[in-house]
Amino acid sequence: MLSIDECINLFIFLFQLRNLLWSTSKHDVYLMQNYSVIHWSSLLGKGEEVLNVARPLAPTMKYPGSASQTLSRVQISTMAVRDGLMAAGGFQGELICKYLNQPGVVFATKISNGENAITNAVDISYSPTGSMRVITANNDQQVRIFDAKSFVCTNHYAFPWSVNNTSVSPDDKLLAILGDSPECLLADAQSGKVVSNLKGHLDYSFSSAWHPDGRILATGNQDTTCRLWDIRNTSQSIAVLKGRMGAIRAIKFTSDGRFMAMAEPADFVHIFDTQSDYGACQEIDLFGEIAGISFSPDTEALFIGVADRTYGSLLEFNRKHYHHYLDYVL
């Protein structure tokens, strides 16, 4: 399904790795490198720093009602990029937002002041009314929703366990919430009201992703499995996809829904063909901890960030196409 196309040597090292890699096109990738966010262009064959978090970050704009403040030396734990906006979370509960076409950061704050207040995940999505929002998941058991125009926290929901991941359904109506619990929740994305409880995993959950058709939700867990749920009947999962050794830390679908990739903390990435009912699988065996995975929007490439002092790199795999020709006898 995929063949390696390019390997770029980079030094990426963090003691805890989450979603630190995002592709915005087949030729544009954003990833963490030390205390910098780098934009890698495969067309130019070089990287450019777009954000340095080792220096003090002073927001360039002040918004009424927002809690924006200057931050110093942030260690980024997670990030997301969508439609020109980058959002990043920090190990001390920070949230940083930056427009990619503007210098500086537009918003920065500490959304949690707890001792273990890590921002575990950030997600950029749209509300049913079309407004962009940033959703954060934190160890303080809170999910917060920020308006991406005013950067005001418009809502927050509390849960009985640390929240490790959230993901919004393609129709922007449902919010998947996962954390330090074997149960995964489906909630109304506007009110936060829990509408379904997904039971089947055996340990804590770390990742989730929606199939583009909006009917299938994939959840990744410490029990080394990814479970698939049909939201029309959530009484039990419809499939269990097993990893090799570790928790399923990241899950991504291609934009056409044809493939799903899931990554373990280190060494293994698995790609499933959804048209074969997830029966056909390609396993990528690499060396090093995995900093993130991302399909390009055109579905032609899969990027994998490898975090290792010696072999730290960005790997690019390209989709193979098989063309069949019909011979005509005249």
Protein backbone atom coordinates (compact mmCIF):
# COMPACT_ATOMS: atom_id res chain seq x y z
CA MET A 1 0.00 0.00 0.00
CA LEU A 2 2.80 2.41 0.93
CA SER A 3 6.46 2.66 -0.05
CA ILE A 4 9.13 4.81 1.55
CA ASP A 5 9.86 7.91 -0.48
CA GLU A 6 12.00 10.14 1.68
CA CYS A 7 13.78 10.18 5.03
CA ILE A 8 14.78 13.51 6.54
CA ASN A 9 17.17 13.49 9.48
CA LEU A 10 15.85 15.55 12.38
CA PHE A 11 16.49 15.62 16.09
CA ILE A 12 13.21 15.15 17.92
CA PHE A 13 13.36 14.21 21.57
CA LEU A 14 10.77 14.43 24.32
CA PHE A 15 10.25 12.20 27.31
CA GLN A 16 6.55 11.94 26.52
CA LEU A 17 5.31 11.89 22.94
CA ARG A 18 1.88 12.63 21.56
CA ASN A 19 0.69 14.34 18.38
CA LEU A 20 3.74 16.37 17.38
CA LEU A 21 3.44 16.05 13.58
CA TRP A 22 0.87 17.50 11.14
CA SER A 23 0.73 17.50 7.36
CA THR A 24 -1.17 20.30 5.63
CA SER A 25 -0.30 19.15 2.10
CA LYS A 26 1.79 16.49 0.40
CA HIS A 27 4.72 18.88 0.54
CA ASP A 28 4.17 20.69 3.86
CA VAL A 29 4.69 19.18 7.30
CA TYR A 30 4.83 20.84 10.71
CA LEU A 31 6.70 19.08 13.50
CA MET A 32 8.51 19.62 16.78
CA GLN A 33 12.29 19.79 16.89
CA ASN A 34 13.68 20.52 20.35
CA TYR A 35 11.99 23.78 21.42
CA SER A 36 10.95 24.77 17.89
CA VAL A 37 8.08 24.02 15.55
CA ILE A 38 9.54 23.44 12.09
CA HIS A 39 7.82 23.74 8.73
CA TRP A 40 9.36 21.15 6.42
CA SER A 41 8.90 21.67 2.67
CA SER A 42 9.68 18.61 0.58
CA LEU A 43 9.59 20.80 -2.54
CA LEU A 44 12.36 23.05 -1.24
CA GLY A 45 14.07 20.24 0.63
CA LYS A 46 14.53 22.29 3.78
CA GLY A 47 12.91 23.23 7.06
CA GLU A 48 12.07 26.65 8.49
CA GLU A 49 11.37 27.56 12.10
CA VAL A 50 7.86 28.97 12.56
CA LEU A 51 7.73 29.02 16.36
CA ASN A 52 10.41 29.07 19.05
CA VAL A 53 9.07 28.30 22.51
CA ALA A 54 12.41 28.50 24.33
CA ARG A 55 12.09 32.29 24.35
CA PRO A 56 9.31 34.28 26.11
CA LEU A 57 6.07 34.23 24.12
CA ALA A 58 4.19 37.53 24.22
CA PRO A 59 0.84 37.47 22.36
CA THR A 60 0.65 40.00 19.54
CA MET A 61 -3.07 40.63 20.09
CA LYS A 62 -5.22 41.34 23.14
CA TYR A 63 -8.78 40.08 23.07
CA PRO A 64 -11.47 41.27 25.50
CA GLY A 65 -12.43 38.48 27.85
CA SER A 66 -9.52 36.20 26.96
CA ALA A 67 -6.90 35.15 29.50
CA SER A 68 -3.92 35.74 27.23
CA GLN A 69 -0.55 36.15 28.94
CA THR A 70 3.20 35.99 28.31
CA LEU A 71 4.69 32.51 28.68
CA SER A 72 8.32 31.48 29.11
CA ARG A 73 10.14 28.37 27.85
CA VAL A 74 7.23 26.11 27.05
CA GLN A 75 7.80 22.42 26.47
CA ILE A 76 5.23 21.40 23.90
CA SER A 77 3.36 18.17 24.56
CA THR A 78 0.89 18.15 21.67
CA MET A 79 -0.10 20.21 18.63
CA ALA A 80 -2.63 20.53 15.82
CA VAL A 81 -2.68 22.48 12.55
CA ARG A 82 -5.74 23.28 10.47
CA ASP A 83 -6.75 25.99 7.99
CA GLY A 84 -3.87 28.31 8.79
CA LEU A 85 -4.11 28.01 12.58
CA MET A 86 -1.66 26.13 14.77
CA ALA A 87 -2.55 25.24 18.36
CA ALA A 88 -0.04 23.72 20.77
CA GLY A 89 -0.31 22.49 24.34
CA GLY A 90 2.40 22.36 27.00
CA PHE A 91 3.51 20.14 29.84
CA GLN A 92 2.53 22.80 32.39
CA GLY A 93 -1.02 23.28 31.11
CA GLU A 94 -0.22 25.89 28.46
CA LEU A 95 -2.14 26.65 25.27
CA ILE A 96 -0.50 28.56 22.41
CA CYS A 97 -2.22 29.62 19.18
CA LYS A 98 -0.52 31.02 16.09
CA TYR A 99 -1.68 32.04 12.63
CA LEU A 100 0.82 30.54 10.21
CA ASN A 101 0.74 33.58 7.92
CA GLN A 102 1.53 36.03 10.74
CA PRO A 103 4.61 36.55 12.93
CA GLY A 104 4.45 35.85 16.64
CA VAL A 105 1.69 34.11 18.56
CA VAL A 106 -1.86 35.43 18.66
CA PHE A 107 -2.81 33.79 21.96
CA ALA A 108 -0.98 32.19 24.88
CA THR A 109 -2.16 31.22 28.34
CA LYS A 110 -1.96 28.64 31.12
CA ILE A 111 -5.35 27.00 31.13
CA SER A 112 -4.55 24.87 34.18
CA ASN A 113 -2.33 25.49 37.20
CA GLY A 114 -2.37 22.04 38.76
CA GLU A 115 0.83 20.20 39.67
CA ASN A 116 0.30 17.73 36.85
CA ALA A 117 -1.59 19.98 34.48
CA ILE A 118 -0.24 18.74 31.15
CA THR A 119 -2.28 19.60 28.08
CA ASN A 120 -2.66 16.11 26.67
CA ALA A 121 -4.37 16.96 23.38
CA VAL A 122 -5.57 19.88 21.27
CA ASP A 123 -8.06 19.66 18.44
CA ILE A 124 -9.13 22.30 15.92
CA SER A 125 -12.66 21.90 14.61
CA TYR A 126 -15.73 23.84 13.49
CA SER A 127 -19.00 24.26 15.33
CA PRO A 128 -22.28 23.52 13.48
CA THR A 129 -22.59 27.29 12.92
CA GLY A 130 -19.24 27.33 11.10
CA SER A 131 -17.08 29.05 13.71
CA MET A 132 -13.61 27.63 14.33
CA ARG A 133 -12.81 26.39 17.83
CA VAL A 134 -9.90 24.90 19.74
CA ILE A 135 -10.63 22.01 22.11
CA THR A 136 -8.16 21.04 24.84
CA ALA A 137 -7.91 17.91 26.99
CA ASN A 138 -6.01 18.15 30.27
CA ASN A 139 -4.85 16.09 33.21
CA ASP A 140 -6.98 18.28 35.50
CA GLN A 141 -10.00 16.28 34.25
CA GLN A 142 -11.29 19.15 32.13
CA VAL A 143 -12.20 19.62 28.49
CA ARG A 144 -12.20 23.26 27.41
CA ILE A 145 -13.52 24.87 24.24
CA PHE A 146 -12.04 28.14 22.97
CA ASP A 147 -13.46 30.31 20.23
CA ALA A 148 -10.68 30.58 17.64
CA LYS A 149 -11.55 34.18 16.80
CA SER A 150 -11.81 35.80 20.24
CA PHE A 151 -9.86 33.05 22.09
CA VAL A 152 -12.37 33.18 24.92
CA CYS A 153 -13.10 29.90 26.70
CA THR A 154 -16.75 29.43 25.75
CA ASN A 155 -17.34 26.18 27.60
CA HIS A 156 -15.69 23.58 29.79
CA TYR A 157 -16.72 20.12 30.89
CA ALA A 158 -15.51 18.16 33.93
CA PHE A 159 -14.97 14.40 34.08
CA PRO A 160 -14.02 11.96 36.85
CA TRP A 161 -10.63 11.13 35.32
CA SER A 162 -7.74 12.81 33.49
CA VAL A 163 -8.68 13.46 29.87
CA ASN A 164 -6.10 12.25 27.36
CA ASN A 165 -7.82 12.86 24.04
CA THR A 166 -10.87 14.33 22.34
CA SER A 167 -12.04 14.23 18.73
CA VAL A 168 -15.04 15.83 17.03
CA SER A 169 -17.22 13.92 14.56
CA PRO A 170 -17.19 15.06 10.91
CA ASP A 171 -20.62 16.68 11.30
CA ASP A 172 -19.32 18.57 14.38
CA LYS A 173 -22.14 17.23 16.56
CA LEU A 174 -20.44 14.56 18.68
CA LEU A 175 -17.35 14.74 20.86
CA ALA A 176 -15.38 11.60 21.72
CA ILE A 177 -13.70 11.86 25.14
CA LEU A 178 -11.03 9.42 26.31
CA GLY A 179 -8.81 9.34 29.37
CA ASP A 180 -7.61 7.43 32.41
CA SER A 181 -10.53 5.04 32.22
CA PRO A 182 -11.31 1.90 30.20
CA GLU A 183 -14.58 3.53 29.16
CA CYS A 184 -14.81 6.04 26.31
CA LEU A 185 -17.55 8.65 26.21
CA LEU A 186 -19.57 10.20 23.41
CA ALA A 187 -20.95 13.62 24.28
CA ASP A 188 -22.95 16.34 22.59
CA ALA A 189 -20.30 18.71 21.23
CA GLN A 190 -22.33 21.79 22.16
CA SER A 191 -23.55 20.95 25.66
CA GLY A 192 -21.05 18.34 26.81
CA LYS A 193 -23.88 16.02 27.81
CA VAL A 194 -22.81 12.37 27.63
CA VAL A 195 -25.00 10.46 25.19
CA SER A 196 -23.18 7.12 25.05
CA ASN A 197 -20.65 5.09 27.02
CA LEU A 198 -18.35 2.81 25.02
CA LYS A 199 -17.27 -0.25 27.00
CA GLY A 200 -14.78 -2.89 25.92
CA HIS A 201 -11.25 -1.60 26.46
CA LEU A 202 -9.30 -2.97 29.43
CA ASP A 203 -7.06 -0.03 30.34
CA TYR A 204 -6.58 3.73 29.86
CA SER A 205 -7.29 5.26 26.43
CA PHE A 206 -5.02 7.67 24.55
CA SER A 207 -6.25 8.28 21.01
CA SER A 208 -9.29 8.44 18.77
CA ALA A 209 -10.25 9.28 15.20
CA TRP A 210 -13.45 9.42 13.15
CA HIS A 211 -13.91 7.85 9.75
CA PRO A 212 -14.89 10.63 7.31
CA ASP A 213 -18.35 9.10 6.88
CA GLY A 214 -19.04 9.92 10.55
CA ARG A 215 -20.34 6.45 11.40
CA ILE A 216 -17.16 4.76 12.65
CA LEU A 217 -15.10 5.88 15.64
CA ALA A 218 -11.70 4.33 16.32
CA THR A 219 -10.26 4.38 19.84
CA GLY A 220 -6.72 3.47 20.94
CA ASN A 221 -5.90 2.06 24.35
CA GLN A 222 -3.13 0.98 26.70
CA ASP A 223 -4.39 -2.60 26.24
CA THR A 224 -2.54 -2.57 22.86
CA THR A 225 -5.75 -2.52 20.82
CA CYS A 226 -7.75 -0.17 18.66
CA ARG A 227 -11.50 -0.73 18.80
CA LEU A 228 -13.93 0.30 16.09
CA TRP A 229 -17.39 1.50 17.06
CA ASP A 230 -20.46 2.03 14.90
CA ILE A 231 -22.14 4.99 16.59
CA ARG A 232 -25.54 3.75 15.42
CA ASN A 233 -25.16 0.88 17.90
CA THR A 234 -22.52 1.40 20.57
CA SER A 235 -23.44 -1.57 22.76
CA GLN A 236 -20.22 -3.26 21.65
CA SER A 237 -17.32 -2.61 19.31
CA ILE A 238 -17.57 -3.99 15.79
CA ALA A 239 -13.86 -4.87 15.53
CA VAL A 240 -10.71 -5.10 17.63
CA LEU A 241 -7.41 -4.33 15.87
CA LYS A 242 -4.32 -5.48 17.75
CA GLY A 243 -0.93 -3.84 17.93
CA ARG A 244 2.38 -5.56 18.57
CA MET A 245 3.71 -4.41 21.93
CA GLY A 246 2.48 -1.06 23.20
CA ALA A 247 -0.47 1.24 23.64
CA ILE A 248 -2.14 2.70 20.55
CA ARG A 249 -1.01 6.32 20.90
CA ALA A 250 -2.20 7.83 17.61
CA ILE A 251 -4.89 7.02 15.03
CA LYS A 252 -5.49 8.73 11.68
CA PHE A 253 -7.80 8.15 8.70
CA THR A 254 -7.11 9.31 5.17
CA SER A 255 -9.48 12.05 4.02
CA ASP A 256 -11.18 9.61 1.62
CA GLY A 257 -11.60 7.03 4.40
CA ARG A 258 -9.74 4.33 2.46
CA PHE A 259 -6.96 3.77 5.00
CA MET A 260 -6.51 4.00 8.75
CA ALA A 261 -3.13 4.20 10.45
CA MET A 262 -2.43 3.54 14.11
CA ALA A 263 0.87 4.06 15.91
CA GLU A 264 2.35 2.43 18.98
CA PRO A 265 4.67 4.42 21.30
CA ALA A 266 7.70 3.02 19.49
CA ASP A 267 8.78 0.93 16.50
CA PHE A 268 5.44 0.04 14.89
CA VAL A 269 2.86 1.78 12.69
CA HIS A 270 -0.02 -0.26 11.26
CA ILE A 271 -2.03 0.74 8.15
CA PHE A 272 -5.41 -0.89 7.54
CA ASP A 273 -7.45 -1.00 4.34
CA THR A 274 -10.96 -0.02 5.41
CA GLN A 275 -12.48 -1.44 2.21
CA SER A 276 -11.38 -4.91 3.29
CA ASP A 277 -13.22 -4.46 6.60
CA TYR A 278 -9.81 -3.65 8.11
CA GLY A 279 -8.64 -7.17 7.26
CA ALA A 280 -5.73 -6.14 5.03
CA CYS A 281 -2.90 -4.56 7.00
CA GLN A 282 0.57 -3.23 6.25
CA GLU A 283 2.97 -3.01 9.18
CA ILE A 284 5.80 -0.49 9.19
CA ASP A 285 8.62 -1.63 11.48
CA LEU A 286 11.00 1.20 12.32
CA PHE A 287 13.45 2.11 15.08
CA GLY A 288 12.66 4.72 17.70
CA GLU A 289 9.84 6.34 19.59
CA ILE A 290 7.05 7.73 17.43
CA ALA A 291 6.38 11.47 17.76
CA GLY A 292 3.33 11.49 15.50
CA ILE A 293 1.74 10.29 12.28
CA SER A 294 -0.16 12.24 9.64
CA PHE A 295 -1.66 11.52 6.23
CA SER A 296 -1.45 14.28 3.65
CA PRO A 297 -4.86 15.77 2.78
CA ASP A 298 -4.68 14.32 -0.74
CA THR A 299 -4.16 10.83 0.81
CA GLU A 300 -0.98 10.28 -1.22
CA ALA A 301 1.55 10.36 1.63
CA LEU A 302 1.95 9.19 5.21
CA PHE A 303 4.44 11.03 7.40
CA ILE A 304 5.94 9.49 10.54
CA GLY A 305 7.99 11.40 13.10
CA VAL A 306 10.70 9.34 14.80
CA ALA A 307 12.14 10.59 18.10
CA ASP A 308 15.58 9.24 18.83
CA ARG A 309 18.92 10.83 19.76
CA THR A 310 20.68 8.96 16.96
CA TYR A 311 17.97 8.15 14.43
CA GLY A 312 15.53 11.03 14.91
CA SER A 313 13.89 11.63 11.54
CA LEU A 314 10.83 12.43 9.47
CA LEU A 315 9.81 9.52 7.28
CA GLU A 316 7.61 9.94 4.20
CA PHE A 317 5.78 6.98 2.68
CA ASN A 318 3.94 7.32 -0.63
CA ARG A 319 0.79 5.49 -1.64
CA LYS A 320 1.20 2.85 -4.31
CA HIS A 321 -1.26 2.72 -7.19
CA TYR A 322 -1.90 -0.41 -9.21
CA HIS A 323 -3.20 0.22 -12.72
CA HIS A 324 -4.93 -2.52 -14.66
CA TYR A 325 -5.22 -2.34 -18.42
CA LEU A 326 -7.67 -4.19 -20.63
CA ASP A 327 -6.30 -5.58 -23.89
CA TYR A 328 -8.67 -5.35 -26.82
CA VAL A 329 -8.55 -7.76 -29.74
CA LEU A 330 -9.68 -6.12 -32.96
